[in-house]
Amino acid sequence: MTRAGGLRVRRTQAERDAITVEIGYALCSAAFAAAVVFGAAAGPALLFTLPGAVEELLLGAGTALAPVLFLVRVVSVLRRFRPAGQPSQPGRTRPDS
């Protein structure tokens, strides 16, 4: 149940399913994006023999950027998701009616 203006509003199963799918999408896309950024930043340090300072810098950058990107992606996807509200006048489909 959700509070909306002091009233309790029950969500339908379809609305709960939509929220669940959106959360799953947010988590999966964020994990993928974080993995890509980590691989791009730290990949050269893992694949090639580099000087110690450069290797530490690249690994540190990947380790710092990946979780930040993960959180930003999850928040941006979930903030963008807004369940469609009820129309103010059910049955009317044209804006000028």
C-alpha atoms as a PDB file:
ATOM      1  CA  MET A   1       0.000   0.000   0.000  1.00  0.00           C
ATOM      2  CA  THR A   2       1.080   3.525  -0.686  1.00  0.00           C
ATOM      3  CA  ARG A   3       0.118   6.803   0.859  1.00  0.00           C
ATOM      4  CA  ALA A   4      -1.007   9.387  -1.671  1.00  0.00           C
ATOM      5  CA  GLY A   5      -2.246  12.608  -0.167  1.00  0.00           C
ATOM      6  CA  GLY A   6      -3.072  10.898   3.122  1.00  0.00           C
ATOM      7  CA  LEU A   7      -5.167   8.212   1.437  1.00  0.00           C
ATOM      8  CA  ARG A   8      -4.173   4.597   1.162  1.00  0.00           C
ATOM      9  CA  VAL A   9      -3.943   3.439  -2.419  1.00  0.00           C
ATOM     10  CA  ARG A  10      -3.710  -0.233  -3.321  1.00  0.00           C
ATOM     11  CA  ARG A  11      -1.502  -1.112  -6.231  1.00  0.00           C
ATOM     12  CA  THR A  12      -2.765  -3.579  -8.772  1.00  0.00           C
ATOM     13  CA  GLN A  13      -0.788  -6.695  -9.609  1.00  0.00           C
ATOM     14  CA  ALA A  14       0.149  -5.156 -12.962  1.00  0.00           C
ATOM     15  CA  GLU A  15       1.576  -2.080 -11.228  1.00  0.00           C
ATOM     16  CA  ARG A  16       3.565  -4.235  -8.797  1.00  0.00           C
ATOM     17  CA  ASP A  17       4.859  -6.317 -11.703  1.00  0.00           C
ATOM     18  CA  ALA A  18       5.870  -3.186 -13.604  1.00  0.00           C
ATOM     19  CA  ILE A  19       7.790  -1.881 -10.597  1.00  0.00           C
ATOM     20  CA  THR A  20       9.516  -5.250 -10.151  1.00  0.00           C
ATOM     21  CA  VAL A  21      10.545  -5.358 -13.806  1.00  0.00           C
ATOM     22  CA  GLU A  22      11.810  -1.782 -13.645  1.00  0.00           C
ATOM     23  CA  ILE A  23      13.907  -2.504 -10.555  1.00  0.00           C
ATOM     24  CA  GLY A  24      15.352  -5.607 -12.233  1.00  0.00           C
ATOM     25  CA  TYR A  25      16.153  -3.609 -15.365  1.00  0.00           C
ATOM     26  CA  ALA A  26      17.785  -0.860 -13.302  1.00  0.00           C
ATOM     27  CA  LEU A  27      19.998  -3.337 -11.433  1.00  0.00           C
ATOM     28  CA  CYS A  28      20.982  -5.376 -14.503  1.00  0.00           C
ATOM     29  CA  SER A  29      21.735  -2.384 -16.715  1.00  0.00           C
ATOM     30  CA  ALA A  30      23.688  -0.733 -13.893  1.00  0.00           C
ATOM     31  CA  ALA A  31      25.753  -3.877 -13.301  1.00  0.00           C
ATOM     32  CA  PHE A  32      26.509  -4.145 -17.018  1.00  0.00           C
ATOM     33  CA  ALA A  33      27.477  -0.473 -17.295  1.00  0.00           C
ATOM     34  CA  ALA A  34      29.678  -0.697 -14.199  1.00  0.00           C
ATOM     35  CA  ALA A  35      31.401  -3.808 -15.548  1.00  0.00           C
ATOM     36  CA  VAL A  36      32.081  -2.104 -18.882  1.00  0.00           C
ATOM     37  CA  VAL A  37      33.532   0.973 -17.186  1.00  0.00           C
ATOM     38  CA  PHE A  38      35.643  -1.149 -14.845  1.00  0.00           C
ATOM     39  CA  GLY A  39      36.914  -3.167 -17.808  1.00  0.00           C
ATOM     40  CA  ALA A  40      37.695  -0.041 -19.808  1.00  0.00           C
ATOM     41  CA  ALA A  41      39.534   1.625 -16.933  1.00  0.00           C
ATOM     42  CA  ALA A  42      41.270  -1.326 -15.306  1.00  0.00           C
ATOM     43  CA  GLY A  43      41.478  -3.649 -18.315  1.00  0.00           C
ATOM     44  CA  PRO A  44      44.850  -2.486 -19.574  1.00  0.00           C
ATOM     45  CA  ALA A  45      46.349  -2.988 -16.112  1.00  0.00           C
ATOM     46  CA  LEU A  46      44.977  -6.518 -16.013  1.00  0.00           C
ATOM     47  CA  LEU A  47      46.017  -7.437 -19.556  1.00  0.00           C
ATOM     48  CA  PHE A  48      49.426  -5.820 -19.923  1.00  0.00           C
ATOM     49  CA  THR A  49      52.525  -5.501 -17.824  1.00  0.00           C
ATOM     50  CA  LEU A  50      52.638  -1.841 -16.843  1.00  0.00           C
ATOM     51  CA  PRO A  51      54.723   0.145 -14.361  1.00  0.00           C
ATOM     52  CA  GLY A  52      53.491  -0.267 -10.782  1.00  0.00           C
ATOM     53  CA  ALA A  53      52.164   3.286 -10.379  1.00  0.00           C
ATOM     54  CA  VAL A  54      50.212   3.191 -13.640  1.00  0.00           C
ATOM     55  CA  GLU A  55      48.783  -0.215 -12.788  1.00  0.00           C
ATOM     56  CA  GLU A  56      47.641   1.003  -9.365  1.00  0.00           C
ATOM     57  CA  LEU A  57      46.165   4.167 -10.875  1.00  0.00           C
ATOM     58  CA  LEU A  58      44.137   2.258 -13.464  1.00  0.00           C
ATOM     59  CA  LEU A  59      42.892  -0.319 -10.958  1.00  0.00           C
ATOM     60  CA  GLY A  60      42.003   2.426  -8.502  1.00  0.00           C
ATOM     61  CA  ALA A  61      40.154   4.405 -11.171  1.00  0.00           C
ATOM     62  CA  GLY A  62      38.155   1.366 -12.228  1.00  0.00           C
ATOM     63  CA  THR A  63      37.389   0.449  -8.636  1.00  0.00           C
ATOM     64  CA  ALA A  64      36.235   4.001  -7.876  1.00  0.00           C
ATOM     65  CA  LEU A  65      34.244   4.628 -11.053  1.00  0.00           C
ATOM     66  CA  ALA A  66      32.315   1.347 -11.244  1.00  0.00           C
ATOM     67  CA  PRO A  67      30.277   1.672  -8.008  1.00  0.00           C
ATOM     68  CA  VAL A  68      29.596   5.362  -8.645  1.00  0.00           C
ATOM     69  CA  LEU A  69      28.291   4.601 -12.115  1.00  0.00           C
ATOM     70  CA  PHE A  70      26.231   1.713 -10.718  1.00  0.00           C
ATOM     71  CA  LEU A  71      24.473   3.974  -8.218  1.00  0.00           C
ATOM     72  CA  VAL A  72      23.942   6.788 -10.722  1.00  0.00           C
ATOM     73  CA  ARG A  73      22.436   4.369 -13.238  1.00  0.00           C
ATOM     74  CA  VAL A  74      20.062   2.753 -10.724  1.00  0.00           C
ATOM     75  CA  VAL A  75      18.865   6.115  -9.434  1.00  0.00           C
ATOM     76  CA  SER A  76      18.411   7.596 -12.906  1.00  0.00           C
ATOM     77  CA  VAL A  77      16.407   4.612 -14.173  1.00  0.00           C
ATOM     78  CA  LEU A  78      14.175   4.466 -11.107  1.00  0.00           C
ATOM     79  CA  ARG A  79      13.585   8.226 -11.034  1.00  0.00           C
ATOM     80  CA  ARG A  80      12.592   8.158 -14.694  1.00  0.00           C
ATOM     81  CA  PHE A  81      10.071   5.410 -14.006  1.00  0.00           C
ATOM     82  CA  ARG A  82       6.713   6.819 -13.033  1.00  0.00           C
ATOM     83  CA  PRO A  83       3.704   4.531 -13.062  1.00  0.00           C
ATOM     84  CA  ALA A  84       0.969   5.906 -15.272  1.00  0.00           C
ATOM     85  CA  GLY A  85      -1.667   7.620 -13.197  1.00  0.00           C
ATOM     86  CA  GLN A  86      -5.401   7.359 -13.618  1.00  0.00           C
ATOM     87  CA  PRO A  87      -6.892   9.726 -16.175  1.00  0.00           C
ATOM     88  CA  SER A  88      -8.786  12.613 -14.626  1.00  0.00           C
ATOM     89  CA  GLN A  89     -11.833  11.880 -16.780  1.00  0.00           C
ATOM     90  CA  PRO A  90     -12.047   8.172 -17.631  1.00  0.00           C
ATOM     91  CA  GLY A  91     -13.398   7.384 -21.069  1.00  0.00           C
ATOM     92  CA  ARG A  92     -12.241  10.589 -22.707  1.00  0.00           C
ATOM     93  CA  THR A  93      -9.415   9.969 -25.108  1.00  0.00           C
ATOM     94  CA  ARG A  94      -9.104  13.255 -26.966  1.00  0.00           C
ATOM     95  CA  PRO A  95      -7.477  16.174 -25.157  1.00  0.00           C
ATOM     96  CA  ASP A  96     -10.089  18.649 -26.487  1.00  0.00           C
ATOM     97  CA  SER A  97     -13.163  16.673 -25.371  1.00  0.00           C
END
